[in-house]
Amino acid sequence: MAKQIQKEIQRGVESWISLGNRRPHLSIILVGDNPASHTYVRKKIRAASAVGICSEIILKPKDVSQEELLDITDQLNMDPRVSGILVQLPLPEAAQLWSGLEVFGI
C-alpha cells in the first residue's frame, strides 16, 4: 500500500513538472541535537527524494534565538524556489519558538 501511494505521489510530482512548474522544494529547519529529530528528518528527506521532491536541511544549534528562527522562516517564505517549510518538533526549550509558530498558523 505504501509503495502504491509513493508511486502515485511520484507521478503527481512528475506531472506537475511536465506542465512547466518547478520541482517542489521542501526546507526543513532542524534545531538542536535530538537524535530522534535527526532520524525523523533523515527519513523525511529520503521520502521526499523518493517521490521527486527536492529538500534541504537548515541545521541550527539548540541555543538559536527565536528572532533568528523567525528571520529564517521569513527568508524561506520569500524564496520562490521553496514550496514548503517544515519546522521539526520538538524544539529545544532555548529556541522558545512556540509563540513564533503562529507564523505558520499553528
N, C-alpha and C. Protein backbone atom coordinates (compact mmCIF):
# COMPACT_ATOMS: atom_id res chain seq x y z
N MET A 1 0.82 -1.19 0.00
CA MET A 1 0.00 0.00 0.00
C MET A 1 0.87 1.26 0.00
N ALA A 2 1.90 1.28 0.86
CA ALA A 2 2.77 2.46 0.94
C ALA A 2 3.48 2.71 -0.38
N LYS A 3 3.94 1.63 -1.02
CA LYS A 3 4.63 1.78 -2.31
C LYS A 3 3.68 2.33 -3.37
N GLN A 4 2.42 1.91 -3.32
CA GLN A 4 1.43 2.40 -4.27
C GLN A 4 1.20 3.90 -4.08
N ILE A 5 1.08 4.32 -2.84
CA ILE A 5 0.89 5.75 -2.54
C ILE A 5 2.12 6.54 -2.99
N GLN A 6 3.29 5.99 -2.71
CA GLN A 6 4.54 6.64 -3.12
C GLN A 6 4.58 6.82 -4.64
N LYS A 7 4.20 5.79 -5.39
CA LYS A 7 4.20 5.88 -6.86
C LYS A 7 3.19 6.92 -7.35
N GLU A 8 2.02 6.98 -6.70
CA GLU A 8 1.02 7.97 -7.08
C GLU A 8 1.54 9.39 -6.86
N ILE A 9 2.18 9.61 -5.73
CA ILE A 9 2.74 10.94 -5.45
C ILE A 9 3.84 11.26 -6.45
N GLN A 10 4.68 10.29 -6.73
CA GLN A 10 5.77 10.50 -7.69
C GLN A 10 5.20 10.86 -9.07
N ARG A 11 4.16 10.17 -9.49
CA ARG A 11 3.52 10.51 -10.78
C ARG A 11 2.95 11.92 -10.74
N GLY A 12 2.35 12.29 -9.62
CA GLY A 12 1.81 13.64 -9.48
C GLY A 12 2.88 14.71 -9.56
N VAL A 13 4.01 14.45 -8.93
CA VAL A 13 5.13 15.40 -8.97
C VAL A 13 5.64 15.53 -10.40
N GLU A 14 5.84 14.41 -11.06
CA GLU A 14 6.35 14.44 -12.43
C GLU A 14 5.36 15.11 -13.38
N SER A 15 4.07 14.88 -13.16
CA SER A 15 3.05 15.54 -13.97
C SER A 15 3.10 17.05 -13.76
N TRP A 16 3.24 17.46 -12.52
CA TRP A 16 3.34 18.88 -12.16
C TRP A 16 4.51 19.52 -12.90
N ILE A 17 5.65 18.84 -12.89
CA ILE A 17 6.85 19.36 -13.54
C ILE A 17 6.67 19.39 -15.06
N SER A 18 6.04 18.36 -15.61
CA SER A 18 5.84 18.31 -17.06
C SER A 18 4.95 19.44 -17.57
N LEU A 19 4.16 20.02 -16.68
CA LEU A 19 3.31 21.15 -17.05
C LEU A 19 4.08 22.48 -17.01
N GLY A 20 5.38 22.39 -16.75
CA GLY A 20 6.21 23.59 -16.74
C GLY A 20 6.42 24.21 -15.38
N ASN A 21 5.97 23.53 -14.35
CA ASN A 21 6.15 24.03 -12.99
C ASN A 21 7.49 23.60 -12.42
N ARG A 22 7.93 24.33 -11.41
CA ARG A 22 9.18 23.97 -10.73
C ARG A 22 9.01 22.71 -9.92
N ARG A 23 10.10 21.98 -9.79
CA ARG A 23 10.10 20.81 -8.91
C ARG A 23 9.84 21.29 -7.48
N PRO A 24 8.95 20.64 -6.75
CA PRO A 24 8.69 21.04 -5.36
C PRO A 24 9.98 20.99 -4.53
N HIS A 25 10.08 21.92 -3.59
CA HIS A 25 11.27 22.03 -2.73
C HIS A 25 10.82 22.22 -1.29
N LEU A 26 11.28 21.33 -0.42
CA LEU A 26 10.94 21.36 0.99
C LEU A 26 12.16 21.80 1.79
N SER A 27 12.00 22.84 2.60
CA SER A 27 13.06 23.30 3.51
C SER A 27 12.69 22.87 4.92
N ILE A 28 13.60 22.14 5.55
CA ILE A 28 13.36 21.63 6.90
C ILE A 28 14.30 22.35 7.87
N ILE A 29 13.72 22.96 8.89
CA ILE A 29 14.51 23.62 9.92
C ILE A 29 14.62 22.65 11.09
N LEU A 30 15.85 22.29 11.41
CA LEU A 30 16.14 21.34 12.48
C LEU A 30 16.99 22.04 13.53
N VAL A 31 16.46 22.12 14.75
CA VAL A 31 17.15 22.84 15.83
C VAL A 31 17.63 21.84 16.88
N GLY A 32 18.92 21.94 17.22
CA GLY A 32 19.46 21.13 18.30
C GLY A 32 19.98 19.79 17.84
N ASP A 33 20.22 18.93 18.84
CA ASP A 33 20.88 17.66 18.56
C ASP A 33 20.08 16.45 19.05
N ASN A 34 18.77 16.58 19.08
CA ASN A 34 17.92 15.47 19.49
C ASN A 34 18.05 14.34 18.47
N PRO A 35 18.58 13.17 18.88
CA PRO A 35 18.80 12.08 17.93
C PRO A 35 17.53 11.65 17.20
N ALA A 36 16.41 11.62 17.91
CA ALA A 36 15.15 11.21 17.27
C ALA A 36 14.75 12.20 16.19
N SER A 37 14.91 13.49 16.45
CA SER A 37 14.57 14.50 15.45
C SER A 37 15.45 14.35 14.22
N HIS A 38 16.73 14.10 14.42
CA HIS A 38 17.63 13.91 13.29
C HIS A 38 17.23 12.68 12.47
N THR A 39 16.82 11.62 13.15
CA THR A 39 16.36 10.41 12.45
C THR A 39 15.10 10.71 11.65
N TYR A 40 14.14 11.38 12.26
CA TYR A 40 12.89 11.70 11.55
C TYR A 40 13.17 12.56 10.32
N VAL A 41 14.05 13.54 10.46
CA VAL A 41 14.36 14.42 9.34
C VAL A 41 15.03 13.64 8.21
N ARG A 42 15.97 12.76 8.55
CA ARG A 42 16.60 11.93 7.50
C ARG A 42 15.55 11.11 6.75
N LYS A 43 14.59 10.56 7.48
CA LYS A 43 13.53 9.78 6.83
C LYS A 43 12.65 10.66 5.94
N LYS A 44 12.38 11.88 6.38
CA LYS A 44 11.58 12.80 5.58
C LYS A 44 12.31 13.19 4.30
N ILE A 45 13.62 13.41 4.41
CA ILE A 45 14.44 13.74 3.24
C ILE A 45 14.42 12.57 2.25
N ARG A 46 14.59 11.36 2.77
CA ARG A 46 14.56 10.17 1.92
C ARG A 46 13.21 10.00 1.23
N ALA A 47 12.13 10.20 1.98
CA ALA A 47 10.79 10.06 1.42
C ALA A 47 10.53 11.11 0.35
N ALA A 48 10.96 12.34 0.60
CA ALA A 48 10.78 13.40 -0.40
C ALA A 48 11.55 13.07 -1.67
N SER A 49 12.79 12.65 -1.51
CA SER A 49 13.62 12.31 -2.66
C SER A 49 13.01 11.17 -3.47
N ALA A 50 12.43 10.20 -2.79
CA ALA A 50 11.85 9.04 -3.47
C ALA A 50 10.70 9.42 -4.39
N VAL A 51 10.03 10.53 -4.13
CA VAL A 51 8.92 10.95 -4.98
C VAL A 51 9.27 12.14 -5.86
N GLY A 52 10.55 12.54 -5.84
CA GLY A 52 10.99 13.60 -6.74
C GLY A 52 10.93 15.00 -6.17
N ILE A 53 10.84 15.11 -4.86
CA ILE A 53 10.81 16.42 -4.22
C ILE A 53 12.21 16.76 -3.72
N CYS A 54 12.70 17.94 -4.07
CA CYS A 54 13.99 18.41 -3.57
C CYS A 54 13.81 18.84 -2.12
N SER A 55 14.87 18.72 -1.35
CA SER A 55 14.77 19.15 0.04
C SER A 55 16.12 19.61 0.56
N GLU A 56 16.05 20.35 1.64
CA GLU A 56 17.26 20.82 2.30
C GLU A 56 17.01 20.86 3.79
N ILE A 57 18.10 20.71 4.54
CA ILE A 57 18.03 20.82 5.99
C ILE A 57 18.76 22.08 6.40
N ILE A 58 18.11 22.88 7.20
CA ILE A 58 18.74 24.06 7.78
C ILE A 58 18.94 23.72 9.25
N LEU A 59 20.18 23.41 9.61
CA LEU A 59 20.51 22.96 10.96
C LEU A 59 20.97 24.14 11.81
N LYS A 60 20.33 24.29 12.95
CA LYS A 60 20.68 25.38 13.86
C LYS A 60 20.98 24.78 15.24
N PRO A 61 21.87 25.44 16.00
CA PRO A 61 22.19 24.94 17.34
C PRO A 61 21.01 25.11 18.29
N LYS A 62 21.04 24.33 19.37
CA LYS A 62 19.91 24.36 20.31
C LYS A 62 19.71 25.71 20.99
N ASP A 63 20.74 26.56 20.98
CA ASP A 63 20.61 27.87 21.62
C ASP A 63 20.29 28.99 20.62
N VAL A 64 19.80 28.62 19.44
CA VAL A 64 19.43 29.63 18.44
C VAL A 64 18.31 30.50 19.02
N SER A 65 18.33 31.76 18.66
CA SER A 65 17.30 32.67 19.19
C SER A 65 16.01 32.56 18.39
N GLN A 66 14.92 32.92 19.04
CA GLN A 66 13.62 32.94 18.37
C GLN A 66 13.68 33.92 17.20
N GLU A 67 14.34 35.04 17.40
CA GLU A 67 14.45 36.05 16.35
C GLU A 67 15.14 35.48 15.11
N GLU A 68 16.22 34.74 15.31
CA GLU A 68 16.92 34.16 14.16
C GLU A 68 16.05 33.13 13.44
N LEU A 69 15.33 32.32 14.20
CA LEU A 69 14.45 31.34 13.56
C LEU A 69 13.34 32.02 12.76
N LEU A 70 12.79 33.08 13.30
CA LEU A 70 11.74 33.80 12.58
C LEU A 70 12.32 34.47 11.33
N ASP A 71 13.55 34.97 11.42
CA ASP A 71 14.21 35.54 10.24
C ASP A 71 14.39 34.47 9.16
N ILE A 72 14.79 33.27 9.58
CA ILE A 72 14.97 32.18 8.62
C ILE A 72 13.65 31.85 7.94
N THR A 73 12.58 31.75 8.73
CA THR A 73 11.28 31.43 8.12
C THR A 73 10.82 32.53 7.19
N ASP A 74 11.08 33.79 7.55
CA ASP A 74 10.73 34.90 6.66
C ASP A 74 11.48 34.79 5.33
N GLN A 75 12.78 34.49 5.40
CA GLN A 75 13.58 34.35 4.18
C GLN A 75 13.06 33.20 3.33
N LEU A 76 12.75 32.08 3.97
CA LEU A 76 12.23 30.94 3.22
C LEU A 76 10.88 31.25 2.60
N ASN A 77 10.03 31.97 3.32
CA ASN A 77 8.72 32.35 2.79
C ASN A 77 8.84 33.22 1.54
N MET A 78 9.91 34.00 1.45
CA MET A 78 10.10 34.88 0.30
C MET A 78 10.90 34.22 -0.83
N ASP A 79 11.46 33.05 -0.58
CA ASP A 79 12.28 32.36 -1.57
C ASP A 79 11.36 31.66 -2.58
N PRO A 80 11.39 32.06 -3.85
CA PRO A 80 10.48 31.47 -4.83
C PRO A 80 10.72 29.99 -5.10
N ARG A 81 11.89 29.48 -4.77
CA ARG A 81 12.15 28.06 -5.02
C ARG A 81 11.59 27.16 -3.93
N VAL A 82 11.21 27.73 -2.78
CA VAL A 82 10.73 26.93 -1.65
C VAL A 82 9.22 26.74 -1.75
N SER A 83 8.80 25.48 -1.76
CA SER A 83 7.37 25.15 -1.84
C SER A 83 6.77 24.90 -0.46
N GLY A 84 7.61 24.45 0.47
CA GLY A 84 7.11 24.13 1.80
C GLY A 84 8.19 24.27 2.85
N ILE A 85 7.77 24.60 4.06
CA ILE A 85 8.68 24.76 5.18
C ILE A 85 8.20 23.84 6.30
N LEU A 86 9.14 23.09 6.85
CA LEU A 86 8.83 22.21 7.96
C LEU A 86 9.76 22.56 9.12
N VAL A 87 9.20 22.87 10.27
CA VAL A 87 9.99 23.07 11.48
C VAL A 87 9.86 21.79 12.29
N GLN A 88 10.97 21.06 12.43
CA GLN A 88 10.94 19.78 13.14
C GLN A 88 10.73 20.01 14.64
N LEU A 89 9.71 19.38 15.17
CA LEU A 89 9.41 19.44 16.60
C LEU A 89 9.82 18.12 17.24
N PRO A 90 10.11 18.09 18.51
CA PRO A 90 10.06 19.21 19.45
C PRO A 90 11.27 20.11 19.30
N LEU A 91 11.08 21.36 19.66
CA LEU A 91 12.18 22.32 19.69
C LEU A 91 12.79 22.33 21.09
N PRO A 92 14.10 22.56 21.17
CA PRO A 92 14.71 22.71 22.49
C PRO A 92 14.10 23.91 23.21
N GLU A 93 14.06 23.85 24.52
CA GLU A 93 13.47 24.95 25.29
C GLU A 93 14.11 26.28 24.95
N ALA A 94 15.42 26.28 24.73
CA ALA A 94 16.13 27.53 24.46
C ALA A 94 15.63 28.22 23.20
N ALA A 95 15.11 27.45 22.25
CA ALA A 95 14.64 28.05 20.99
C ALA A 95 13.40 28.92 21.23
N GLN A 96 12.57 28.54 22.18
CA GLN A 96 11.38 29.31 22.56
C GLN A 96 10.61 29.83 21.35
N LEU A 97 10.34 28.97 20.43
CA LEU A 97 9.66 29.39 19.20
C LEU A 97 8.15 29.21 19.29
N TRP A 98 7.64 28.68 20.38
CA TRP A 98 6.22 28.35 20.41
C TRP A 98 5.34 29.51 19.99
N SER A 99 5.61 30.72 20.49
CA SER A 99 4.78 31.85 20.07
C SER A 99 5.02 32.17 18.60
N GLY A 100 6.21 31.88 18.11
CA GLY A 100 6.53 32.13 16.71
C GLY A 100 5.85 31.18 15.76
N LEU A 101 5.35 30.05 16.26
CA LEU A 101 4.68 29.10 15.38
C LEU A 101 3.41 29.67 14.78
N GLU A 102 2.93 30.78 15.33
CA GLU A 102 1.77 31.44 14.74
C GLU A 102 2.05 31.87 13.31
N VAL A 103 3.35 32.05 12.99
CA VAL A 103 3.75 32.40 11.63
C VAL A 103 3.20 31.36 10.66
N PHE A 104 3.10 30.11 11.12
CA PHE A 104 2.66 29.01 10.28
C PHE A 104 1.19 28.68 10.49
N GLY A 105 0.50 29.46 11.30
CA GLY A 105 -0.90 29.19 11.55
C GLY A 105 -1.13 28.02 12.49
N ILE A 106 -0.14 27.72 13.34
CA ILE A 106 -0.25 26.59 14.27
C ILE A 106 -0.79 27.09 15.59
